[in-house]
Every structure is written in structure tokens, then in C-alpha cells.
Amino acid sequence: MQSPADEVVIVIIAGTILMLLLATFVATFFFLYQKRNFRYQQELSLTKESYERGLLQSQLEIQNHTLQQIGQELHDHIGQMLSLTLIQLSVLEEDLAGSVHAPTVQQTFETVERTMQDVRRLSKTLDGGTVERYGLRESLALEMERIQRTGRFQTQFQFIGSPYSLDENTETILFRMVQEALNNAMKHSGGHQLTVSADYGLDRFSLVVTDDGCGFDLGEATERGPDRSGSGLWNLKQRARLLGGECVLISQPGWGTRIEIRLPNKRGEAAVSKITI
């Protein structure tokens, strides 16, 4: 027979084993729960990101389609009307040759001719197909030239490194982002100089838009939220994030504004990996 002391030891051992089994069960359950919850959060995040990407893509398609229609209308209808005006002015110039009105007609002819050229340039920048045909760098150069011709701003476009092509959709989005940043600067900065820089780095591509305007309190504008401060800043950050990059804004009153869009260069990263191996 077992003594009472042995029974107590057995009970203690059995209890200890049960407690260990219970603790193991609880720990395992907690671990599996955490793992499943982490997986669920990942799937939720991916679903949300996929939805946002799809929404952004739809918005861009609608925007590009609308801008393309406007650009086509400018090129076809307004361009034709301006061409007809030039023809009529040519006839009028011949009829008034040698008269006191001849210089005025000539000036009007030159003004309409410049306007027609500007309309053609504008129609190209509105057409998303321009980026597809000429690439991001040439499209940005064309946009800066168009702004320069308005006479309101001095512009400068520069690039660093050997230009390479990003995927077509990314380049179109980047072009629209730069257009939005430039439009905001022209509306609100009160400056006179606009600069766009493209840095074709091996592992990262970046676009920088700067102005010499009045600047603004970035913290105060961010705290107000997109509903009060406008959707421009929020759109830039959101689009950069959905492209897998980031948008950094630097501004303060009296010191202008700097907007930098940074994207990883996937092909460059792959090349670096191969070299490292």
C-alpha cells in the first residue's frame, strides 16, 4: 500500500502535469490565435490596399479620359477655329497692306499664331497618350516649356543619371502628380520660379518639384485634414504610397515649397542583387 506521503507526491505530480498541459494548451491557443489574427490583419490590409489601388486606377482612367477629351477638343475644334482666324487675318493683311492698320493686323496675326501653338502644347499635356508616346522625361519637359511660355513663371527642368523607363501606368500617374503639384504652386505660391528635377538613381527614382513662393505651415495644413485643407496634399501622398513609394513635403512660410516623390527602382534593385551575389 502507498503511504499518505506517496499519495500526496502523486497528487502533486499529477497536478503539476495537468497545470503544465493547461499552460501549454493556453500558450498554444494564444499563439495560434495571434498567428491567425496577424494573418487576418494582413489579408485585410492587402484587401484594403487592393481596393484603394483599384479605386485610384478607376479615378485615373476617368481623369485621363476626361482630359483626353478636352485635349482632343482643343486640338480639333479650337485649333481649327484659330487656323481659320489665321487665314482670315492673312486675307485682311493683304487688303490693308500699306495702310496704318497693317501693323495692328500683323500683331494680331502673330498673337493668334502663338495662341494656336500654346493650345496645341496644352492639348498634348492633357492627353495621357503623350506619356505613352514620348515617355515621362519628354512629357515633363513639354509641360515646363508650356508653363514658361505663359510668361508668369520662369521654369527649369533637370535630370540626374541615365534616364530609364518605368512602367507605363506609373509614369502616367507620376506625370499627373507633377502636374497637380505645379498647378497648386501656380495658384497659391505667389512665386516666380518653378523647378522640376528627376533623379534616375540605381535603386531609387525621385521627382522633386520646388517653388520660390510664400510657402505655408505644413503642420497646420495637415492637421486640418483633407476636407478643410483641400485634397491636393492628401492625393499626392496617397498616390505615392499606392505606387510603393512616398511623398515628402517641406514648406514653411516665406521659404517656398518642396515636394519630393520617391519610388524604388525594382529593376535597379534586382541588378544590385545580381551584382552582390
Protein backbone atom coordinates (compact mmCIF):
# COMPACT_ATOMS: atom_id res chain seq x y z
CA MET A 1 0.00 0.00 0.00
CA GLN A 2 1.06 3.53 -0.69
CA SER A 3 1.65 5.74 2.24
CA PRO A 4 -0.21 9.07 2.56
CA ALA A 5 3.03 10.86 1.74
CA ASP A 6 3.35 8.94 -1.55
CA GLU A 7 -0.24 9.78 -2.44
CA VAL A 8 0.45 13.44 -1.78
CA VAL A 9 3.51 13.31 -4.05
CA ILE A 10 1.49 11.59 -6.77
CA VAL A 11 -1.24 14.20 -6.48
CA ILE A 12 1.30 16.99 -6.64
CA ILE A 13 2.97 15.46 -9.70
CA ALA A 14 -0.36 14.86 -11.41
CA GLY A 15 -1.46 18.39 -10.61
CA THR A 16 1.80 19.78 -11.91
CA ILE A 17 1.46 17.81 -15.14
CA LEU A 18 -2.11 18.99 -15.54
CA MET A 19 -1.04 22.59 -14.93
CA LEU A 20 1.76 22.24 -17.47
CA LEU A 21 -0.62 20.73 -20.00
CA LEU A 22 -3.12 23.50 -19.35
CA ALA A 23 -0.42 26.17 -19.65
CA THR A 24 0.82 24.55 -22.88
CA PHE A 25 -2.73 24.45 -24.22
CA VAL A 26 -3.32 28.10 -23.32
CA ALA A 27 0.02 29.17 -24.81
CA THR A 28 -0.63 27.16 -27.98
CA PHE A 29 -4.14 28.56 -28.28
CA PHE A 30 -2.86 32.10 -27.74
CA PHE A 31 -0.07 31.59 -30.30
CA LEU A 32 -2.47 30.18 -32.90
CA TYR A 33 -4.92 32.98 -32.19
CA GLN A 34 -2.21 35.62 -32.62
CA LYS A 35 -0.97 33.96 -35.79
CA ARG A 36 -4.47 33.75 -37.23
CA ASN A 37 -5.23 37.32 -36.19
CA PHE A 38 -1.97 38.53 -37.77
CA ARG A 39 -2.82 36.67 -40.97
CA TYR A 40 -6.31 38.16 -40.91
CA GLN A 41 -4.92 41.68 -40.46
CA GLN A 42 -2.52 41.09 -43.35
CA GLU A 43 -5.31 39.88 -45.59
CA LEU A 44 -7.45 42.83 -44.52
CA SER A 45 -4.61 45.24 -45.26
CA LEU A 46 -3.99 43.64 -48.66
CA THR A 47 -7.69 43.75 -49.47
CA LYS A 48 -7.87 47.41 -48.47
CA GLU A 49 -4.76 48.25 -50.48
CA SER A 50 -6.07 46.33 -53.47
CA TYR A 51 -9.37 48.20 -53.22
CA GLU A 52 -7.57 51.54 -52.96
CA ARG A 53 -5.38 50.67 -55.92
CA GLY A 54 -8.43 49.72 -57.95
CA LEU A 55 -10.20 52.92 -56.90
CA LEU A 56 -7.15 55.01 -57.78
CA GLN A 57 -6.87 53.25 -61.14
CA SER A 58 -10.53 53.97 -61.87
CA GLN A 59 -10.13 57.61 -60.88
CA LEU A 60 -7.06 57.95 -63.08
CA GLU A 61 -8.79 56.31 -66.02
CA ILE A 62 -11.74 58.69 -65.66
CA GLN A 63 -9.39 61.65 -65.27
CA ASN A 64 -7.27 60.66 -68.25
CA HIS A 65 -10.35 60.03 -70.38
CA THR A 66 -11.81 63.43 -69.46
CA LEU A 67 -8.53 65.28 -70.01
CA GLN A 68 -8.00 63.44 -73.29
CA GLN A 69 -11.43 64.54 -74.49
CA ILE A 70 -10.68 68.14 -73.52
CA GLY A 71 -7.29 67.95 -75.23
CA GLN A 72 -8.86 66.49 -78.37
CA GLU A 73 -11.50 69.21 -78.37
CA LEU A 74 -8.81 71.88 -78.02
CA HIS A 75 -6.78 70.37 -80.83
CA ASP A 76 -9.65 69.72 -83.23
CA HIS A 77 -12.24 72.42 -82.59
CA ILE A 78 -10.33 75.36 -81.06
CA GLY A 79 -7.30 74.60 -83.24
CA GLN A 80 -9.41 74.64 -86.39
CA MET A 81 -11.10 77.90 -85.38
CA LEU A 82 -7.71 79.50 -84.78
CA SER A 83 -6.45 78.20 -88.15
CA LEU A 84 -9.49 79.74 -89.84
CA THR A 85 -8.81 83.01 -87.99
CA LEU A 86 -5.23 82.99 -89.31
CA ILE A 87 -6.50 82.54 -92.86
CA GLN A 88 -8.93 85.44 -92.45
CA LEU A 89 -6.19 87.62 -90.96
CA SER A 90 -3.92 86.77 -93.90
CA VAL A 91 -6.59 88.00 -96.31
CA LEU A 92 -7.12 91.11 -94.21
CA GLU A 93 -3.38 91.73 -94.08
CA GLU A 94 -3.20 91.68 -97.88
CA ASP A 95 -6.19 94.02 -98.20
CA LEU A 96 -4.72 96.50 -95.69
CA ALA A 97 -1.13 96.31 -96.92
CA GLY A 98 0.44 99.75 -96.72
CA SER A 99 -2.34 101.21 -94.55
CA VAL A 100 -1.99 102.49 -90.99
CA HIS A 101 -3.80 99.38 -89.76
CA ALA A 102 -1.29 96.94 -91.25
CA PRO A 103 0.96 96.77 -88.12
CA THR A 104 -2.03 96.06 -85.89
CA VAL A 105 -3.20 93.26 -88.16
CA GLN A 106 0.32 91.80 -88.18
CA GLN A 107 0.48 91.90 -84.37
CA THR A 108 -2.93 90.24 -84.16
CA PHE A 109 -1.79 87.57 -86.63
CA GLU A 110 1.29 86.80 -84.50
CA THR A 111 -0.78 86.70 -81.30
CA VAL A 112 -3.27 84.23 -82.76
CA GLU A 113 -0.40 82.13 -84.14
CA ARG A 114 1.24 81.95 -80.68
CA THR A 115 -2.12 81.13 -79.13
CA MET A 116 -2.61 78.27 -81.57
CA GLN A 117 0.83 76.88 -80.72
CA ASP A 118 0.06 77.14 -76.99
CA VAL A 119 -3.27 75.38 -77.48
CA ARG A 120 -1.52 72.53 -79.29
CA ARG A 121 1.04 72.21 -76.49
CA LEU A 122 -1.71 72.25 -73.88
CA SER A 123 -3.68 69.57 -75.73
CA LYS A 124 -0.59 67.34 -75.69
CA THR A 125 -0.09 67.68 -71.92
CA LEU A 126 -3.77 66.92 -71.31
CA ASP A 127 -3.59 63.77 -73.39
CA GLY A 128 -2.40 60.81 -71.30
CA GLY A 129 -1.16 59.20 -74.53
CA THR A 130 1.62 61.78 -74.63
CA VAL A 131 3.40 59.99 -71.78
CA GLU A 132 2.93 56.67 -73.55
CA ARG A 133 4.39 58.02 -76.79
CA TYR A 134 7.23 60.22 -75.53
CA GLY A 135 7.94 58.96 -72.01
CA LEU A 136 7.95 60.75 -68.69
CA ARG A 137 11.05 62.89 -69.18
CA GLU A 138 9.97 64.38 -72.52
CA SER A 139 6.42 64.94 -71.26
CA LEU A 140 7.72 66.83 -68.21
CA ALA A 141 9.99 68.94 -70.41
CA LEU A 142 7.00 69.77 -72.63
CA GLU A 143 4.91 70.74 -69.59
CA MET A 144 7.64 73.03 -68.22
CA GLU A 145 8.06 74.65 -71.64
CA ARG A 146 4.31 75.28 -71.82
CA ILE A 147 4.31 76.99 -68.41
CA GLN A 148 7.37 79.06 -69.38
CA ARG A 149 5.57 80.34 -72.47
CA THR A 150 2.74 81.79 -70.37
CA GLY A 151 5.22 84.38 -69.08
CA ARG A 152 4.01 84.03 -65.49
CA PHE A 153 6.82 81.78 -64.28
CA GLN A 154 10.42 81.02 -65.02
CA THR A 155 10.82 77.26 -65.23
CA GLN A 156 13.68 74.83 -65.08
CA PHE A 157 13.71 71.10 -65.75
CA GLN A 158 16.74 68.99 -64.97
CA PHE A 159 17.53 65.31 -64.60
CA ILE A 160 20.30 63.34 -62.94
CA GLY A 161 21.61 59.96 -64.07
CA SER A 162 20.84 57.89 -67.13
CA PRO A 163 17.08 58.00 -67.86
CA TYR A 164 15.28 54.67 -67.80
CA SER A 165 11.66 53.79 -68.38
CA LEU A 166 9.30 52.96 -65.53
CA ASP A 167 6.15 51.02 -66.33
CA GLU A 168 3.61 52.91 -68.40
CA ASN A 169 0.96 53.24 -65.69
CA THR A 170 3.47 54.50 -63.12
CA GLU A 171 4.82 57.15 -65.48
CA THR A 172 1.31 58.41 -66.25
CA ILE A 173 0.49 58.67 -62.53
CA LEU A 174 3.78 60.46 -61.82
CA PHE A 175 3.13 62.92 -64.64
CA ARG A 176 -0.34 63.74 -63.26
CA MET A 177 1.15 64.15 -59.77
CA VAL A 178 3.72 66.64 -61.03
CA GLN A 179 1.00 68.49 -62.95
CA GLU A 180 -1.06 68.73 -59.76
CA ALA A 181 1.93 69.99 -57.76
CA LEU A 182 2.73 72.59 -60.44
CA ASN A 183 -0.88 73.74 -60.65
CA ASN A 184 -1.02 74.16 -56.87
CA ALA A 185 2.19 76.20 -56.98
CA MET A 186 0.89 78.43 -59.78
CA LYS A 187 -2.39 79.03 -57.93
CA HIS A 188 -1.20 79.51 -54.37
CA SER A 189 2.57 80.05 -54.11
CA GLY A 190 2.77 83.61 -55.40
CA GLY A 191 6.28 82.80 -56.61
CA HIS A 192 8.10 83.30 -59.90
CA GLN A 193 10.32 80.23 -60.27
CA LEU A 194 9.28 76.58 -60.73
CA THR A 195 11.79 73.76 -60.86
CA VAL A 196 11.31 70.06 -61.55
CA SER A 197 14.18 67.60 -61.04
CA ALA A 198 14.18 63.91 -61.95
CA ASP A 199 16.81 61.70 -60.33
CA TYR A 200 17.28 58.34 -62.09
CA GLY A 201 19.12 56.54 -59.30
CA LEU A 202 20.14 52.90 -59.48
CA ASP A 203 18.00 51.84 -56.53
CA ARG A 204 15.54 54.74 -56.36
CA PHE A 205 13.77 57.15 -58.69
CA SER A 206 12.71 60.54 -57.38
CA LEU A 207 10.93 63.61 -58.67
CA VAL A 208 11.29 66.98 -56.93
CA VAL A 209 9.02 69.98 -57.53
CA THR A 210 10.06 73.28 -55.92
CA ASP A 211 8.83 76.86 -56.00
CA ASP A 212 10.12 80.12 -54.54
CA GLY A 213 6.71 81.24 -53.28
CA CYS A 214 5.27 82.20 -49.92
CA GLY A 215 5.21 78.66 -48.51
CA PHE A 216 2.79 77.55 -45.79
CA ASP A 217 2.60 75.95 -42.36
CA LEU A 218 2.71 72.25 -43.25
CA GLY A 219 1.76 71.08 -39.75
CA GLU A 220 -1.28 73.33 -39.59
CA ALA A 221 -2.39 72.30 -43.10
CA THR A 222 -2.02 68.60 -42.25
CA GLU A 223 -3.99 68.90 -39.01
CA ARG A 224 -6.94 70.46 -40.80
CA GLY A 225 -7.49 67.26 -42.80
CA PRO A 226 -8.30 66.82 -46.50
CA ASP A 227 -11.88 68.05 -46.08
CA ARG A 228 -10.72 71.52 -44.99
CA SER A 229 -7.26 71.92 -46.46
CA GLY A 230 -8.15 70.50 -49.87
CA SER A 231 -7.36 67.11 -51.29
CA GLY A 232 -4.19 68.09 -53.16
CA LEU A 233 -1.63 67.17 -50.49
CA TRP A 234 -3.55 64.06 -49.46
CA ASN A 235 -3.82 62.90 -53.08
CA LEU A 236 -0.09 63.25 -53.64
CA LYS A 237 0.76 61.22 -50.55
CA GLN A 238 -1.89 58.59 -51.29
CA ARG A 239 -0.83 58.09 -54.89
CA ALA A 240 2.84 57.82 -53.95
CA ARG A 241 2.01 55.23 -51.29
CA LEU A 242 -0.05 53.14 -53.69
CA LEU A 243 2.87 53.21 -56.13
CA GLY A 244 5.01 51.68 -53.39
CA GLY A 245 6.84 54.91 -52.57
CA GLU A 246 6.41 58.05 -50.54
CA CYS A 247 5.78 61.75 -51.00
CA VAL A 248 7.69 64.14 -48.73
CA LEU A 249 6.57 67.76 -48.42
CA ILE A 250 8.77 70.50 -46.98
CA SER A 251 7.45 74.03 -46.60
CA GLN A 252 7.37 76.95 -44.22
CA PRO A 253 6.03 80.49 -44.53
CA GLY A 254 8.34 82.69 -46.55
CA TRP A 255 10.57 79.86 -47.82
CA GLY A 256 8.68 78.26 -50.68
CA THR A 257 7.66 74.61 -51.00
CA ARG A 258 9.49 71.42 -51.93
CA ILE A 259 7.63 68.23 -52.90
CA GLU A 260 9.67 65.06 -53.38
CA ILE A 261 8.19 61.84 -54.77
CA ARG A 262 10.37 58.78 -54.15
CA LEU A 263 9.87 55.36 -55.71
CA PRO A 264 12.03 52.24 -55.51
CA ASN A 265 13.55 51.18 -58.80
CA LYS A 266 12.68 47.48 -58.87
CA ARG A 267 14.87 46.72 -61.85
CA GLY A 268 17.75 48.55 -60.24
CA GLU A 269 17.32 46.57 -57.00
CA ALA A 270 17.35 43.33 -58.99
CA ALA A 271 20.53 44.40 -60.74
CA VAL A 272 22.19 45.23 -57.42
CA SER A 273 21.17 41.82 -56.04
CA LYS A 274 22.72 40.04 -59.01
CA ILE A 275 25.93 42.01 -58.62
CA THR A 276 26.03 41.26 -54.89
CA ILE A 277 25.58 37.56 -55.47
